[in-house]
N, C-alpha and C. Protein backbone atom coordinates (compact mmCIF):
# COMPACT_ATOMS: atom_id res chain seq x y z
N UNK A 1 0.81 -1.20 0.00
CA UNK A 1 0.00 0.00 0.00
C UNK A 1 0.84 1.25 0.00
N UNK A 2 1.94 1.26 0.83
CA UNK A 2 2.82 2.44 0.90
C UNK A 2 3.52 2.67 -0.44
N UNK A 3 3.97 1.58 -1.09
CA UNK A 3 4.67 1.71 -2.37
C UNK A 3 3.76 2.32 -3.42
N UNK A 4 2.50 1.91 -3.44
CA UNK A 4 1.55 2.45 -4.42
C UNK A 4 1.35 3.94 -4.22
N UNK A 5 1.27 4.39 -2.95
CA UNK A 5 1.10 5.81 -2.66
C UNK A 5 2.32 6.60 -3.13
N UNK A 6 3.52 6.05 -2.91
CA UNK A 6 4.75 6.73 -3.35
C UNK A 6 4.77 6.86 -4.87
N UNK A 7 4.38 5.79 -5.57
CA UNK A 7 4.36 5.84 -7.03
C UNK A 7 3.40 6.91 -7.53
N UNK A 8 2.24 7.02 -6.90
CA UNK A 8 1.26 8.04 -7.29
C UNK A 8 1.83 9.44 -7.09
N UNK A 9 2.56 9.66 -5.97
CA UNK A 9 3.15 10.96 -5.71
C UNK A 9 4.20 11.30 -6.77
N UNK A 10 5.02 10.30 -7.16
CA UNK A 10 6.03 10.54 -8.17
C UNK A 10 5.40 10.88 -9.52
N UNK A 11 4.32 10.19 -9.85
CA UNK A 11 3.63 10.50 -11.11
C UNK A 11 3.08 11.92 -11.10
N UNK A 12 2.52 12.34 -9.96
CA UNK A 12 1.99 13.70 -9.86
C UNK A 12 3.10 14.73 -10.02
N UNK A 13 4.24 14.51 -9.38
CA UNK A 13 5.37 15.44 -9.47
C UNK A 13 5.89 15.52 -10.91
N UNK A 14 5.96 14.37 -11.56
CA UNK A 14 6.44 14.36 -12.94
C UNK A 14 5.53 15.16 -13.85
N UNK A 15 4.25 15.09 -13.62
CA UNK A 15 3.29 15.85 -14.43
C UNK A 15 3.50 17.35 -14.23
N UNK A 16 3.76 17.78 -13.01
CA UNK A 16 3.98 19.20 -12.72
C UNK A 16 5.25 19.70 -13.38
N UNK A 17 6.32 18.91 -13.35
CA UNK A 17 7.62 19.33 -13.86
C UNK A 17 7.62 19.51 -15.38
N UNK A 18 6.70 18.86 -16.10
CA UNK A 18 6.71 18.92 -17.56
C UNK A 18 6.05 20.18 -18.11
N UNK A 19 5.43 20.99 -17.26
CA UNK A 19 4.65 22.13 -17.73
C UNK A 19 5.53 23.16 -18.46
N UNK A 20 6.76 23.38 -17.98
CA UNK A 20 7.60 24.43 -18.54
C UNK A 20 7.99 24.16 -19.98
N UNK A 21 8.21 22.90 -20.33
CA UNK A 21 8.59 22.56 -21.69
C UNK A 21 10.09 22.62 -21.88
N UNK A 22 10.57 22.24 -23.07
CA UNK A 22 12.02 22.19 -23.31
C UNK A 22 12.64 23.57 -23.39
N UNK A 23 13.88 23.68 -22.96
CA UNK A 23 14.63 24.92 -23.04
C UNK A 23 15.52 24.89 -24.28
N UNK A 24 15.86 26.05 -24.85
CA UNK A 24 16.78 26.08 -26.00
C UNK A 24 18.10 25.40 -25.63
N UNK A 25 18.67 24.61 -26.55
CA UNK A 25 19.90 23.86 -26.23
C UNK A 25 21.09 24.77 -25.93
N UNK A 26 21.18 25.88 -26.65
CA UNK A 26 22.27 26.83 -26.43
C UNK A 26 21.72 28.24 -26.55
N UNK A 27 22.45 29.21 -26.04
CA UNK A 27 22.01 30.60 -26.09
C UNK A 27 21.93 31.06 -27.54
N UNK A 28 20.87 31.80 -27.85
CA UNK A 28 20.68 32.31 -29.20
C UNK A 28 19.91 31.38 -30.11
N UNK A 29 19.51 30.21 -29.62
CA UNK A 29 18.70 29.29 -30.42
C UNK A 29 17.25 29.34 -29.94
N UNK A 30 16.32 29.50 -30.88
CA UNK A 30 14.92 29.65 -30.54
C UNK A 30 14.06 28.76 -31.43
N UNK A 31 12.92 28.36 -30.90
CA UNK A 31 11.93 27.61 -31.67
C UNK A 31 10.57 28.24 -31.39
N UNK A 32 10.07 29.03 -32.33
CA UNK A 32 8.81 29.74 -32.15
C UNK A 32 7.80 29.29 -33.21
N UNK A 33 6.54 29.51 -32.90
CA UNK A 33 5.50 29.21 -33.87
C UNK A 33 4.39 30.24 -33.76
N UNK A 34 3.60 30.33 -34.82
CA UNK A 34 2.41 31.18 -34.85
C UNK A 34 1.21 30.24 -34.97
N UNK A 35 0.33 30.30 -34.00
CA UNK A 35 -0.80 29.37 -33.96
C UNK A 35 -2.11 30.13 -34.15
N UNK A 36 -2.90 29.69 -35.10
CA UNK A 36 -4.23 30.25 -35.35
C UNK A 36 -5.25 29.31 -34.70
N UNK A 37 -6.03 29.84 -33.74
CA UNK A 37 -6.91 29.01 -32.93
C UNK A 37 -8.36 29.46 -33.10
N UNK A 38 -9.27 28.51 -33.25
CA UNK A 38 -10.70 28.78 -33.24
C UNK A 38 -11.14 28.90 -31.78
N UNK A 39 -11.57 30.09 -31.32
CA UNK A 39 -11.88 30.26 -29.90
C UNK A 39 -13.12 29.50 -29.43
N UNK A 40 -14.00 29.15 -30.35
CA UNK A 40 -15.22 28.46 -29.95
C UNK A 40 -14.95 27.03 -29.50
N UNK A 41 -14.21 26.28 -30.32
CA UNK A 41 -13.94 24.89 -29.96
C UNK A 41 -12.48 24.63 -29.59
N UNK A 42 -11.68 25.73 -29.53
CA UNK A 42 -10.28 25.65 -29.11
C UNK A 42 -9.45 24.74 -30.03
N UNK A 43 -9.81 24.67 -31.28
CA UNK A 43 -9.06 23.87 -32.24
C UNK A 43 -8.00 24.72 -32.93
N UNK A 44 -6.84 24.11 -33.20
CA UNK A 44 -5.79 24.77 -33.96
C UNK A 44 -6.12 24.68 -35.44
N UNK A 45 -6.28 25.85 -36.09
CA UNK A 45 -6.60 25.90 -37.51
C UNK A 45 -5.34 25.94 -38.36
N UNK A 46 -4.29 26.56 -37.83
CA UNK A 46 -3.04 26.72 -38.58
C UNK A 46 -1.88 26.82 -37.60
N UNK A 47 -0.77 26.19 -37.93
CA UNK A 47 0.43 26.26 -37.10
C UNK A 47 1.63 26.52 -38.00
N UNK A 48 2.22 27.69 -37.88
CA UNK A 48 3.37 28.07 -38.70
C UNK A 48 4.60 28.09 -37.80
N UNK A 49 5.54 27.21 -38.07
CA UNK A 49 6.78 27.17 -37.30
C UNK A 49 7.81 28.08 -37.96
N UNK A 50 8.44 28.91 -37.16
CA UNK A 50 9.46 29.82 -37.67
C UNK A 50 10.81 29.09 -37.70
N UNK A 51 11.51 29.20 -38.82
CA UNK A 51 12.80 28.53 -38.95
C UNK A 51 13.95 29.52 -38.79
N UNK A 52 15.15 29.07 -38.98
CA UNK A 52 16.36 29.90 -38.95
C UNK A 52 16.57 30.61 -37.62
N UNK A 53 16.07 30.01 -36.52
CA UNK A 53 16.33 30.59 -35.20
C UNK A 53 15.59 31.87 -34.92
N UNK A 54 14.47 32.13 -35.63
CA UNK A 54 13.69 33.34 -35.37
C UNK A 54 12.78 33.13 -34.17
N UNK A 55 12.77 34.12 -33.27
CA UNK A 55 11.89 34.10 -32.10
C UNK A 55 10.77 35.09 -32.32
N UNK A 56 9.53 34.65 -32.11
CA UNK A 56 8.37 35.54 -32.22
C UNK A 56 8.27 36.37 -30.95
N UNK A 57 8.33 37.70 -31.06
CA UNK A 57 8.37 38.59 -29.91
C UNK A 57 7.08 39.40 -29.73
N UNK A 58 6.35 39.62 -30.81
CA UNK A 58 5.14 40.45 -30.72
C UNK A 58 4.20 40.07 -31.85
N UNK A 59 2.92 40.41 -31.67
CA UNK A 59 1.92 40.06 -32.68
C UNK A 59 0.74 41.01 -32.57
N UNK A 60 0.16 41.37 -33.71
CA UNK A 60 -1.09 42.12 -33.72
C UNK A 60 -1.81 41.89 -35.04
N UNK A 61 -3.08 42.22 -35.07
CA UNK A 61 -3.81 42.27 -36.34
C UNK A 61 -3.89 43.73 -36.77
N UNK A 62 -3.91 43.96 -38.07
CA UNK A 62 -3.91 45.34 -38.57
C UNK A 62 -4.72 45.41 -39.85
N UNK A 63 -5.69 46.31 -39.87
CA UNK A 63 -6.46 46.60 -41.08
C UNK A 63 -5.85 47.85 -41.70
N UNK A 64 -5.13 47.67 -42.81
CA UNK A 64 -4.54 48.81 -43.50
C UNK A 64 -5.61 49.46 -44.39
N UNK A 65 -5.80 50.77 -44.23
CA UNK A 65 -6.80 51.48 -45.02
C UNK A 65 -6.49 51.41 -46.51
N UNK A 66 -5.21 51.29 -46.85
CA UNK A 66 -4.82 51.22 -48.25
C UNK A 66 -5.21 49.90 -48.90
N UNK A 67 -5.63 48.90 -48.06
CA UNK A 67 -6.01 47.59 -48.60
C UNK A 67 -7.45 47.23 -48.22
N UNK A 68 -8.31 48.24 -48.12
CA UNK A 68 -9.71 47.99 -47.83
C UNK A 68 -9.91 47.49 -46.41
N UNK A 69 -10.82 46.54 -46.24
CA UNK A 69 -11.15 46.07 -44.90
C UNK A 69 -10.45 44.78 -44.52
N UNK A 70 -9.45 44.36 -45.28
CA UNK A 70 -8.78 43.09 -44.99
C UNK A 70 -7.90 43.22 -43.75
N UNK A 71 -8.01 42.23 -42.87
CA UNK A 71 -7.19 42.22 -41.66
C UNK A 71 -5.95 41.36 -41.89
N UNK A 72 -4.80 41.94 -41.63
CA UNK A 72 -3.53 41.24 -41.76
C UNK A 72 -3.00 40.89 -40.37
N UNK A 73 -2.19 39.85 -40.30
CA UNK A 73 -1.52 39.47 -39.05
C UNK A 73 -0.05 39.86 -39.17
N UNK A 74 0.43 40.65 -38.20
CA UNK A 74 1.82 41.11 -38.22
C UNK A 74 2.54 40.50 -37.01
N UNK A 75 3.72 39.92 -37.25
CA UNK A 75 4.50 39.28 -36.21
C UNK A 75 5.91 39.87 -36.21
N UNK A 76 6.37 40.33 -35.04
CA UNK A 76 7.72 40.84 -34.90
C UNK A 76 8.65 39.73 -34.43
N UNK A 77 9.79 39.56 -35.11
CA UNK A 77 10.71 38.47 -34.78
C UNK A 77 12.15 38.96 -34.70
N UNK A 78 12.98 38.15 -34.03
CA UNK A 78 14.42 38.39 -33.99
C UNK A 78 15.13 37.07 -34.20
N UNK A 79 16.21 37.10 -34.95
CA UNK A 79 16.94 35.88 -35.29
C UNK A 79 18.16 35.71 -34.37
N UNK A 80 18.30 34.50 -33.83
CA UNK A 80 19.46 34.15 -32.98
C UNK A 80 19.67 35.17 -31.86
N UNK A 81 18.59 35.59 -31.22
CA UNK A 81 18.66 36.63 -30.20
C UNK A 81 19.23 36.09 -28.89
N UNK A 82 20.08 36.88 -28.26
CA UNK A 82 20.53 36.62 -26.89
C UNK A 82 20.04 37.76 -26.01
N UNK A 83 19.87 37.46 -24.71
CA UNK A 83 19.26 38.43 -23.81
C UNK A 83 20.28 39.33 -23.12
N UNK A 84 21.37 38.75 -22.63
CA UNK A 84 22.38 39.52 -21.88
C UNK A 84 23.78 39.17 -22.39
N UNK A 85 24.38 40.06 -23.20
CA UNK A 85 23.82 41.31 -23.73
C UNK A 85 22.82 41.02 -24.85
N UNK A 86 21.99 42.00 -25.17
CA UNK A 86 20.99 41.82 -26.21
C UNK A 86 21.65 41.91 -27.58
N UNK A 87 21.71 40.78 -28.26
CA UNK A 87 22.27 40.73 -29.62
C UNK A 87 21.31 39.95 -30.51
N UNK A 88 21.49 40.09 -31.81
CA UNK A 88 20.65 39.35 -32.76
C UNK A 88 21.35 39.32 -34.11
N UNK A 89 20.85 38.46 -34.98
CA UNK A 89 21.39 38.34 -36.34
C UNK A 89 20.38 38.84 -37.37
N UNK A 90 19.53 39.76 -36.95
CA UNK A 90 18.51 40.33 -37.83
C UNK A 90 17.14 40.30 -37.20
N UNK A 91 16.38 41.38 -37.39
CA UNK A 91 15.02 41.48 -36.85
C UNK A 91 14.06 41.79 -38.00
N UNK A 92 12.81 41.28 -37.87
CA UNK A 92 11.89 41.36 -39.00
C UNK A 92 10.46 41.63 -38.53
N UNK A 93 9.70 42.22 -39.44
CA UNK A 93 8.25 42.33 -39.29
C UNK A 93 7.64 41.46 -40.39
N UNK A 94 7.01 40.36 -39.98
CA UNK A 94 6.38 39.43 -40.91
C UNK A 94 4.91 39.81 -41.07
N UNK A 95 4.45 39.95 -42.30
CA UNK A 95 3.05 40.27 -42.57
C UNK A 95 2.39 39.06 -43.23
N UNK A 96 1.31 38.60 -42.61
CA UNK A 96 0.58 37.44 -43.12
C UNK A 96 -0.83 37.85 -43.55
N UNK A 97 -1.30 37.23 -44.64
CA UNK A 97 -2.72 37.33 -45.01
C UNK A 97 -3.45 36.15 -44.37
N UNK A 98 -4.69 36.38 -44.01
CA UNK A 98 -5.52 35.32 -43.45
C UNK A 98 -6.53 34.91 -44.52
N UNK A 99 -6.25 33.77 -45.18
CA UNK A 99 -7.05 33.31 -46.30
C UNK A 99 -7.65 31.95 -45.98
N UNK A 100 -8.97 31.89 -45.88
CA UNK A 100 -9.69 30.64 -45.62
C UNK A 100 -9.10 29.90 -44.42
N UNK A 101 -8.93 30.63 -43.34
CA UNK A 101 -8.42 30.09 -42.07
C UNK A 101 -6.99 29.56 -42.18
N UNK A 102 -6.24 30.09 -43.13
CA UNK A 102 -4.82 29.75 -43.28
C UNK A 102 -4.00 31.03 -43.31
N UNK A 103 -2.79 30.96 -42.79
CA UNK A 103 -1.88 32.10 -42.79
C UNK A 103 -0.95 32.01 -44.00
N UNK A 104 -0.92 33.06 -44.80
CA UNK A 104 -0.06 33.10 -45.97
C UNK A 104 0.90 34.28 -45.83
N UNK A 105 2.20 33.99 -45.83
CA UNK A 105 3.21 35.05 -45.67
C UNK A 105 3.19 35.96 -46.89
N UNK A 106 2.96 37.25 -46.65
CA UNK A 106 2.96 38.23 -47.73
C UNK A 106 4.37 38.74 -47.99
N UNK A 107 5.04 39.20 -46.92
CA UNK A 107 6.45 39.61 -47.04
C UNK A 107 7.05 39.84 -45.65
N UNK A 108 8.39 39.98 -45.64
CA UNK A 108 9.14 40.27 -44.42
C UNK A 108 9.88 41.58 -44.61
N UNK A 109 9.82 42.44 -43.59
CA UNK A 109 10.54 43.72 -43.62
C UNK A 109 11.58 43.71 -42.52
N UNK A 110 12.83 43.95 -42.86
CA UNK A 110 13.90 43.94 -41.85
C UNK A 110 13.91 45.27 -41.09
N UNK A 111 14.09 45.19 -39.78
CA UNK A 111 14.25 46.38 -38.92
C UNK A 111 15.55 46.23 -38.14
N UNK A 112 16.03 47.33 -37.58
CA UNK A 112 17.38 47.34 -37.02
C UNK A 112 17.50 46.80 -35.61
N UNK A 113 16.37 46.65 -34.89
CA UNK A 113 16.45 46.16 -33.51
C UNK A 113 15.15 45.42 -33.17
N UNK A 114 15.12 44.85 -31.97
CA UNK A 114 14.03 43.94 -31.62
C UNK A 114 12.66 44.65 -31.61
N UNK A 115 11.66 44.08 -32.31
CA UNK A 115 10.32 44.66 -32.35
C UNK A 115 9.44 44.04 -31.26
N UNK A 116 9.46 44.65 -30.09
CA UNK A 116 8.72 44.10 -28.95
C UNK A 116 7.27 44.58 -28.89
N UNK A 117 6.90 45.58 -29.69
CA UNK A 117 5.56 46.17 -29.58
C UNK A 117 4.99 46.48 -30.97
N UNK A 118 3.74 46.04 -31.19
CA UNK A 118 3.02 46.30 -32.43
C UNK A 118 1.60 46.72 -32.09
N UNK A 119 1.03 47.60 -32.93
CA UNK A 119 -0.32 48.07 -32.68
C UNK A 119 -0.89 48.69 -33.95
N UNK A 120 -2.16 48.41 -34.24
CA UNK A 120 -2.82 49.09 -35.36
C UNK A 120 -3.08 50.54 -34.98
N UNK A 121 -2.87 51.46 -35.93
CA UNK A 121 -3.04 52.88 -35.65
C UNK A 121 -3.56 53.60 -36.88
N UNK A 122 -4.83 54.00 -36.84
CA UNK A 122 -5.46 54.79 -37.89
C UNK A 122 -5.23 54.20 -39.28
N UNK A 123 -5.44 52.90 -39.41
CA UNK A 123 -5.29 52.25 -40.70
C UNK A 123 -3.87 51.99 -41.12
N UNK A 124 -2.93 52.14 -40.18
CA UNK A 124 -1.52 51.84 -40.43
C UNK A 124 -0.98 51.01 -39.26
N UNK A 125 0.29 50.70 -39.31
CA UNK A 125 0.92 49.88 -38.28
C UNK A 125 1.90 50.70 -37.46
N UNK A 126 1.74 50.64 -36.14
CA UNK A 126 2.75 51.19 -35.23
C UNK A 126 3.66 50.04 -34.81
N UNK A 127 4.96 50.23 -34.95
CA UNK A 127 5.89 49.16 -34.61
C UNK A 127 7.13 49.75 -33.96
N UNK A 128 7.64 49.04 -32.96
CA UNK A 128 8.89 49.46 -32.33
C UNK A 128 10.05 48.67 -32.93
N UNK A 129 11.22 49.30 -32.91
CA UNK A 129 12.47 48.62 -33.29
C UNK A 129 13.51 49.10 -32.29
N UNK A 130 13.65 48.36 -31.19
CA UNK A 130 14.50 48.85 -30.11
C UNK A 130 13.84 50.04 -29.44
N UNK A 131 14.50 51.20 -29.51
CA UNK A 131 13.95 52.41 -28.93
C UNK A 131 13.32 53.34 -29.97
N UNK A 132 13.20 52.87 -31.20
CA UNK A 132 12.61 53.66 -32.28
C UNK A 132 11.15 53.24 -32.46
N UNK A 133 10.26 54.23 -32.59
CA UNK A 133 8.85 53.98 -32.85
C UNK A 133 8.51 54.48 -34.25
N UNK A 134 7.87 53.61 -35.06
CA UNK A 134 7.58 53.96 -36.44
C UNK A 134 6.12 53.71 -36.80
N UNK A 135 5.66 54.48 -37.79
CA UNK A 135 4.38 54.23 -38.45
C UNK A 135 4.70 53.65 -39.83
N UNK A 136 4.09 52.50 -40.13
CA UNK A 136 4.29 51.84 -41.42
C UNK A 136 2.96 51.73 -42.16
N UNK A 137 3.05 51.79 -43.49
CA UNK A 137 1.92 51.43 -44.34
C UNK A 137 2.31 50.18 -45.12
N UNK A 138 1.33 49.52 -45.70
CA UNK A 138 1.58 48.26 -46.38
C UNK A 138 1.96 48.50 -47.83
N UNK A 139 3.13 47.99 -48.21
CA UNK A 139 3.55 48.03 -49.60
C UNK A 139 3.43 46.66 -50.24
N UNK A 140 3.73 46.57 -51.53
CA UNK A 140 3.60 45.29 -52.24
C UNK A 140 4.70 44.31 -51.83
N UNK A 141 5.91 44.83 -51.59
CA UNK A 141 7.04 43.94 -51.29
C UNK A 141 7.55 44.07 -49.87
N UNK A 142 7.18 45.14 -49.19
CA UNK A 142 7.60 45.34 -47.80
C UNK A 142 6.74 46.42 -47.16
N UNK A 143 6.91 46.61 -45.86
CA UNK A 143 6.25 47.71 -45.17
C UNK A 143 6.98 49.02 -45.49
N UNK A 144 6.21 50.11 -45.62
CA UNK A 144 6.76 51.40 -46.01
C UNK A 144 6.75 52.37 -44.83
N UNK A 145 7.90 52.97 -44.51
CA UNK A 145 7.98 53.93 -43.41
C UNK A 145 7.22 55.21 -43.75
N UNK A 146 6.40 55.66 -42.78
CA UNK A 146 5.66 56.90 -42.96
C UNK A 146 6.04 57.97 -41.94
N UNK A 147 6.46 57.56 -40.76
CA UNK A 147 6.87 58.50 -39.72
C UNK A 147 7.64 57.72 -38.66
N UNK A 148 8.48 58.43 -37.89
CA UNK A 148 9.21 57.77 -36.81
C UNK A 148 9.67 58.79 -35.78
N UNK A 149 9.95 58.28 -34.58
CA UNK A 149 10.59 59.09 -33.55
C UNK A 149 11.67 58.27 -32.87
N UNK A 150 12.79 58.92 -32.59
CA UNK A 150 13.90 58.29 -31.87
C UNK A 150 14.06 58.92 -30.49
N UNK A 151 12.96 59.50 -29.98
CA UNK A 151 13.01 60.23 -28.72
C UNK A 151 12.85 59.34 -27.49
N UNK A 152 12.54 58.06 -27.69
CA UNK A 152 12.41 57.16 -26.54
C UNK A 152 13.80 56.76 -26.04
N UNK A 153 13.98 56.61 -24.72
CA UNK A 153 15.33 56.52 -24.17
C UNK A 153 16.06 55.18 -24.31
N UNK A 154 15.41 54.03 -24.02
CA UNK A 154 16.20 52.80 -23.97
C UNK A 154 15.64 51.68 -24.85
N UNK A 155 14.46 51.14 -24.51
CA UNK A 155 13.89 50.01 -25.25
C UNK A 155 12.38 50.02 -25.07
N UNK A 156 11.64 50.12 -26.17
CA UNK A 156 10.18 50.14 -26.11
C UNK A 156 9.67 48.73 -25.80
N UNK A 157 8.84 48.62 -24.75
CA UNK A 157 8.30 47.32 -24.36
C UNK A 157 6.82 47.17 -24.67
N UNK A 158 6.11 48.28 -24.92
CA UNK A 158 4.69 48.19 -25.21
C UNK A 158 4.16 49.42 -25.91
N UNK A 159 3.15 49.24 -26.76
CA UNK A 159 2.52 50.36 -27.46
C UNK A 159 1.01 50.12 -27.53
N UNK A 160 0.23 51.14 -27.17
CA UNK A 160 -1.22 51.11 -27.34
C UNK A 160 -1.66 52.48 -27.84
N UNK A 161 -2.88 52.58 -28.37
CA UNK A 161 -3.33 53.88 -28.86
C UNK A 161 -4.84 54.01 -28.74
N UNK A 162 -5.27 55.26 -28.61
CA UNK A 162 -6.69 55.63 -28.65
C UNK A 162 -6.80 56.92 -29.44
N UNK A 163 -7.55 56.87 -30.53
CA UNK A 163 -7.61 58.05 -31.39
C UNK A 163 -6.24 58.39 -31.93
N UNK A 164 -5.82 59.65 -31.78
CA UNK A 164 -4.50 60.04 -32.26
C UNK A 164 -3.46 60.04 -31.14
N UNK A 165 -3.83 59.54 -29.97
CA UNK A 165 -2.90 59.49 -28.84
C UNK A 165 -2.28 58.10 -28.73
N UNK A 166 -0.96 58.08 -28.53
CA UNK A 166 -0.20 56.83 -28.47
C UNK A 166 0.46 56.73 -27.10
N UNK A 167 0.36 55.56 -26.49
CA UNK A 167 0.95 55.32 -25.17
C UNK A 167 2.09 54.33 -25.34
N UNK A 168 3.27 54.69 -24.83
CA UNK A 168 4.47 53.87 -25.05
C UNK A 168 5.15 53.61 -23.71
N UNK A 169 5.47 52.34 -23.45
CA UNK A 169 6.24 52.01 -22.25
C UNK A 169 7.69 51.75 -22.64
N UNK A 170 8.61 52.22 -21.79
CA UNK A 170 10.04 52.04 -22.00
C UNK A 170 10.59 51.14 -20.89
N UNK A 171 11.55 50.31 -21.24
CA UNK A 171 12.06 49.32 -20.29
C UNK A 171 12.57 49.95 -19.00
N UNK A 172 13.29 51.07 -19.10
CA UNK A 172 13.91 51.69 -17.92
C UNK A 172 13.34 53.06 -17.58
N UNK A 173 12.54 53.64 -18.46
CA UNK A 173 12.12 55.04 -18.27
C UNK A 173 10.60 55.22 -18.26
N UNK A 174 9.87 54.23 -17.77
CA UNK A 174 8.44 54.37 -17.50
C UNK A 174 7.61 54.66 -18.76
N UNK A 175 6.61 55.56 -18.63
CA UNK A 175 5.62 55.80 -19.68
C UNK A 175 5.88 57.10 -20.44
N UNK A 176 5.52 57.06 -21.72
CA UNK A 176 5.58 58.25 -22.57
C UNK A 176 4.28 58.35 -23.36
N UNK A 177 3.77 59.58 -23.49
CA UNK A 177 2.59 59.84 -24.32
C UNK A 177 3.08 60.50 -25.61
N UNK A 178 2.59 59.99 -26.74
CA UNK A 178 3.07 60.44 -28.05
C UNK A 178 1.87 60.86 -28.89
N UNK A 179 2.06 61.90 -29.69
CA UNK A 179 1.01 62.38 -30.60
C UNK A 179 1.53 62.32 -32.04
N UNK A 180 0.64 61.90 -32.94
CA UNK A 180 0.98 61.86 -34.36
C UNK A 180 0.46 63.13 -35.02
N UNK A 181 1.37 63.93 -35.55
CA UNK A 181 1.00 65.15 -36.26
C UNK A 181 0.87 64.83 -37.74
N UNK A 182 -0.38 64.80 -38.21
CA UNK A 182 -0.63 64.36 -39.59
C UNK A 182 -0.01 65.31 -40.62
N UNK A 183 -0.13 66.61 -40.37
CA UNK A 183 0.36 67.59 -41.35
C UNK A 183 1.85 67.42 -41.61
N UNK A 184 2.62 67.27 -40.50
CA UNK A 184 4.08 67.11 -40.64
C UNK A 184 4.51 65.66 -40.78
N UNK A 185 3.55 64.72 -40.56
CA UNK A 185 3.85 63.28 -40.57
C UNK A 185 4.99 62.96 -39.60
N UNK A 186 4.83 63.45 -38.36
CA UNK A 186 5.84 63.23 -37.34
C UNK A 186 5.20 62.70 -36.06
N UNK A 187 5.99 61.98 -35.27
CA UNK A 187 5.57 61.50 -33.95
C UNK A 187 6.30 62.34 -32.90
N UNK A 188 5.53 62.90 -31.97
CA UNK A 188 6.10 63.83 -30.98
C UNK A 188 5.75 63.35 -29.58
N UNK A 189 6.76 63.21 -28.72
CA UNK A 189 6.53 62.88 -27.31
C UNK A 189 6.13 64.16 -26.59
N UNK A 190 4.94 64.19 -25.98
CA UNK A 190 4.49 65.42 -25.31
C UNK A 190 4.36 65.26 -23.80
N UNK A 191 4.52 64.06 -23.27
CA UNK A 191 4.47 63.87 -21.82
C UNK A 191 5.23 62.60 -21.45
N UNK A 192 5.91 62.65 -20.30
CA UNK A 192 6.59 61.45 -19.82
C UNK A 192 6.61 61.46 -18.30
N UNK A 193 7.06 60.36 -17.71
CA UNK A 193 7.10 60.19 -16.26
C UNK A 193 8.40 60.80 -15.74
N UNK A 194 8.30 61.59 -14.65
CA UNK A 194 9.50 62.20 -14.07
C UNK A 194 10.39 61.17 -13.39
N UNK A 195 9.80 60.08 -12.90
CA UNK A 195 10.56 59.06 -12.17
C UNK A 195 10.86 57.89 -13.09
N UNK A 196 12.13 57.49 -13.21
CA UNK A 196 12.46 56.32 -14.04
C UNK A 196 11.96 55.04 -13.38
N UNK A 197 11.16 54.30 -14.10
CA UNK A 197 10.63 53.03 -13.59
C UNK A 197 10.80 51.95 -14.65
N UNK A 198 11.14 50.75 -14.22
CA UNK A 198 11.25 49.63 -15.14
C UNK A 198 9.84 49.16 -15.52
N UNK A 199 9.52 49.19 -16.80
CA UNK A 199 8.17 48.85 -17.26
C UNK A 199 8.21 47.60 -18.12
N UNK A 200 7.48 46.58 -17.71
CA UNK A 200 7.38 45.35 -18.50
C UNK A 200 6.01 45.21 -19.16
N UNK A 201 4.98 45.87 -18.60
CA UNK A 201 3.64 45.78 -19.16
C UNK A 201 2.81 46.95 -18.68
N UNK A 202 1.75 47.30 -19.43
CA UNK A 202 0.83 48.35 -18.98
C UNK A 202 -0.51 48.16 -19.67
N UNK A 203 -1.54 48.78 -19.09
CA UNK A 203 -2.85 48.82 -19.72
C UNK A 203 -3.41 50.22 -19.60
N UNK A 204 -4.30 50.58 -20.51
CA UNK A 204 -4.91 51.90 -20.52
C UNK A 204 -6.20 51.86 -19.71
N UNK A 205 -6.36 52.82 -18.79
CA UNK A 205 -7.59 52.90 -17.99
C UNK A 205 -8.59 53.87 -18.59
N UNK A 206 -8.12 55.01 -19.05
CA UNK A 206 -8.95 55.93 -19.81
C UNK A 206 -8.03 56.78 -20.69
N UNK A 207 -8.59 57.81 -21.31
CA UNK A 207 -7.80 58.57 -22.31
C UNK A 207 -6.56 59.20 -21.71
N UNK A 208 -6.59 59.56 -20.41
CA UNK A 208 -5.46 60.25 -19.78
C UNK A 208 -4.74 59.40 -18.74
N UNK A 209 -5.12 58.13 -18.57
CA UNK A 209 -4.57 57.34 -17.47
C UNK A 209 -4.15 55.95 -17.96
N UNK A 210 -2.96 55.54 -17.53
CA UNK A 210 -2.51 54.18 -17.78
C UNK A 210 -2.04 53.56 -16.47
N UNK A 211 -2.04 52.24 -16.40
CA UNK A 211 -1.54 51.51 -15.24
C UNK A 211 -0.41 50.63 -15.71
N UNK A 212 0.76 50.75 -15.08
CA UNK A 212 1.94 50.02 -15.49
C UNK A 212 2.46 49.06 -14.45
N UNK A 213 3.19 48.07 -14.90
CA UNK A 213 3.79 47.07 -14.00
C UNK A 213 5.27 46.93 -14.32
C-alpha cells in the first residue's frame, strides 16, 4: 500500500515538472511558432513554425486602409537573439494574409532592432524597433515607413493607442505619451514620467490614465 502511494506521488510530481517545456539547447537558439486558434472549440486551424532561429516577440492584427477592410496578421521576430547582452542576427516584421483560415506570408521587412511592440493605428501599423517607434503602411514587397521618432530613451516594451494618442512604455524610463501630427507626418513625445521606472507591461484605464507594472 505504501509503495503504491509513493508511485502516485512521483507521477503527480512528474506531471507538474513537464509544464515548462524544453529549453533552448544553447544561447541564441529559438523555436517559435504562430498558432491560429478557433476560440469556440479551441481547435488549432493553422500552425506556422518559424525557422532559422527566429523568435516571435510580438503580434497584432492590422487593417490597412490602403487595402480595404482586410485584416492582416503582423508578427515581430528576432533571429538568434541573446538576452544579456541583447544581440541578434537580424530582426523582422512578418506580414501574413488570413485566407480561408490559413496564414499566408505576404512579405518580411527587416528592422534594425528587436520589435517588442506592435499596434494598429489609424489604418496603419505602429511598430517598435528597439527604442525607435515607427508608423508603417503596407507596400507590395515590404512595409513602407511613414513617420518615426527616436526620442524614446532605452527600449520600447509596449505600445497602445486611442484616437491620435499613443501610449508607449520604455524598459527603464516608464511611460511616454506620443502624438501623431498628420500635417508634418511626425511622432512627438508630449508627456513622460519624471521618475524612471522599469516597465514590463501596462494597460490603458482611460484617455489620460494608464496603469503600469
